[in-house]
Amino acid sequence: MAECIFCQIVEGAIPAKKLYEDDHVIAFDDMNPQARVHVLVIPKRHLVSLDDTQDSDSVLLGKLMVVCAKIARERGIVDGGYRVVANTGREAGQSVFHLHLHVLGGRPFAWPPG
């Protein structure tokens, strides 16, 4: 999708500090960090949100979670704890309509969120 900022990052049209990349997934620092560590993990294939996924996306969704854990280990936030967030829809705070997981850590978080 030409107008999707994350698709443009995947295509290389918009630069991003890539922390991980394989054939299906890419991870990069968030441009507007909400914690000391704030990384976005996205599928290269355009999916609007979790609500856009099917049973056939199970392997991809698992891969996204594995990459989140890898990023947390590499960024040194495992011992203190970290949060993985997928906002789905406007009312949940989704502002870019390309499925993405936020890996957040390096500060305390409250519960419930929002």
Protein backbone atom coordinates (compact mmCIF):
# COMPACT_ATOMS: atom_id res chain seq x y z
CA MET A 1 0.00 0.00 0.00
CA ALA A 2 1.70 3.14 -1.21
CA GLU A 3 0.13 5.45 1.39
CA CYS A 4 1.02 3.23 4.39
CA ILE A 5 4.05 4.60 6.25
CA PHE A 6 5.05 1.13 7.48
CA CYS A 7 4.84 -0.31 3.95
CA GLN A 8 7.10 2.53 2.84
CA ILE A 9 9.59 1.60 5.59
CA VAL A 10 9.47 -2.05 4.47
CA GLU A 11 10.14 -0.92 0.86
CA GLY A 12 13.02 1.33 1.97
CA ALA A 13 11.33 4.53 0.75
CA ILE A 14 11.34 5.89 4.31
CA PRO A 15 14.46 5.30 6.42
CA ALA A 16 14.20 3.58 9.79
CA LYS A 17 16.77 2.26 12.25
CA LYS A 18 16.24 -1.44 11.61
CA LEU A 19 16.99 -3.67 14.58
CA TYR A 20 15.83 -6.92 13.01
CA GLU A 21 14.80 -8.04 9.54
CA ASP A 22 14.03 -11.33 7.84
CA ASP A 23 11.83 -12.32 4.91
CA HIS A 24 8.59 -11.71 6.84
CA VAL A 25 9.23 -9.35 9.77
CA ILE A 26 11.02 -6.08 10.45
CA ALA A 27 11.67 -4.29 13.75
CA PHE A 28 12.73 -0.68 14.22
CA ASP A 29 12.84 2.05 16.87
CA ASP A 30 9.62 4.01 17.33
CA MET A 31 9.90 7.64 16.16
CA ASN A 32 7.93 8.82 19.21
CA PRO A 33 9.16 6.62 22.08
CA GLN A 34 6.94 6.21 25.13
CA ALA A 35 9.62 4.40 27.17
CA ARG A 36 13.41 4.10 27.25
CA VAL A 37 12.97 1.13 24.89
CA HIS A 38 10.14 1.43 22.36
CA VAL A 39 10.48 -0.78 19.31
CA LEU A 40 7.89 -1.58 16.64
CA VAL A 41 7.73 -5.10 15.24
CA ILE A 42 5.72 -5.41 12.02
CA PRO A 43 4.98 -7.95 9.33
CA LYS A 44 6.34 -6.99 5.92
CA ARG A 45 3.02 -8.00 4.39
CA HIS A 46 0.36 -5.34 4.87
CA LEU A 47 -2.26 -6.40 7.41
CA VAL A 48 -4.45 -3.64 8.83
CA SER A 49 -4.61 -5.01 12.38
CA LEU A 50 -5.00 -8.23 14.36
CA ASP A 51 -8.60 -8.18 13.21
CA ASP A 52 -7.36 -8.60 9.63
CA THR A 53 -5.59 -11.91 10.38
CA GLN A 54 -6.73 -15.45 9.57
CA ASP A 55 -5.81 -18.93 10.80
CA SER A 56 -3.25 -19.04 7.98
CA ASP A 57 -1.39 -16.16 9.69
CA SER A 58 -0.63 -18.20 12.82
CA VAL A 59 3.03 -18.78 11.95
CA LEU A 60 3.54 -15.10 11.13
CA LEU A 61 1.90 -14.01 14.39
CA GLY A 62 4.11 -16.40 16.34
CA LYS A 63 7.17 -15.05 14.55
CA LEU A 64 6.18 -11.49 15.53
CA MET A 65 6.06 -12.53 19.21
CA VAL A 66 9.41 -14.36 18.99
CA VAL A 67 11.00 -11.23 17.50
CA CYS A 68 9.50 -9.14 20.33
CA ALA A 69 11.22 -11.38 22.89
CA LYS A 70 14.49 -11.25 20.92
CA ILE A 71 14.38 -7.44 20.90
CA ALA A 72 13.68 -7.37 24.65
CA ARG A 73 16.71 -9.58 25.31
CA GLU A 74 18.95 -7.53 23.02
CA ARG A 75 17.82 -4.25 24.60
CA GLY A 76 18.37 -5.58 28.14
CA ILE A 77 14.82 -5.13 29.44
CA VAL A 78 13.97 -8.74 30.28
CA ASP A 79 15.00 -8.62 33.95
CA GLY A 80 12.98 -5.48 34.70
CA GLY A 81 10.07 -6.60 32.55
CA TYR A 82 8.57 -5.34 29.35
CA ARG A 83 5.21 -4.93 27.68
CA VAL A 84 4.09 -6.00 24.20
CA VAL A 85 1.08 -4.06 22.91
CA ALA A 86 -1.07 -4.43 19.80
CA ASN A 87 -3.58 -1.60 19.48
CA THR A 88 -6.47 -2.71 17.27
CA GLY A 89 -8.78 0.02 15.97
CA ARG A 90 -9.08 3.75 16.58
CA GLU A 91 -10.66 3.52 20.03
CA ALA A 92 -7.80 1.29 21.17
CA GLY A 93 -5.27 3.89 20.02
CA GLN A 94 -4.20 2.44 16.68
CA SER A 95 -2.91 5.35 14.60
CA VAL A 96 -1.08 3.49 11.81
CA PHE A 97 -3.30 0.93 10.15
CA HIS A 98 -0.65 -1.69 9.48
CA LEU A 99 -0.41 -4.42 12.13
CA HIS A 100 2.40 -3.64 14.56
CA LEU A 101 3.49 -4.69 18.02
CA HIS A 102 5.03 -2.22 20.44
CA VAL A 103 7.84 -3.56 22.64
CA LEU A 104 8.11 -1.21 25.60
CA GLY A 105 10.47 -1.36 28.56
CA GLY A 106 12.96 0.45 30.72
CA ARG A 107 10.40 2.13 32.97
CA PRO A 108 7.54 1.05 35.27
CA PHE A 109 4.07 0.67 33.75
CA ALA A 110 0.71 1.02 35.46
CA TRP A 111 -2.19 -1.40 35.26
CA PRO A 112 -4.73 -1.12 33.84
CA PRO A 113 -3.28 0.76 30.87
CA GLY A 114 -4.99 3.78 29.35
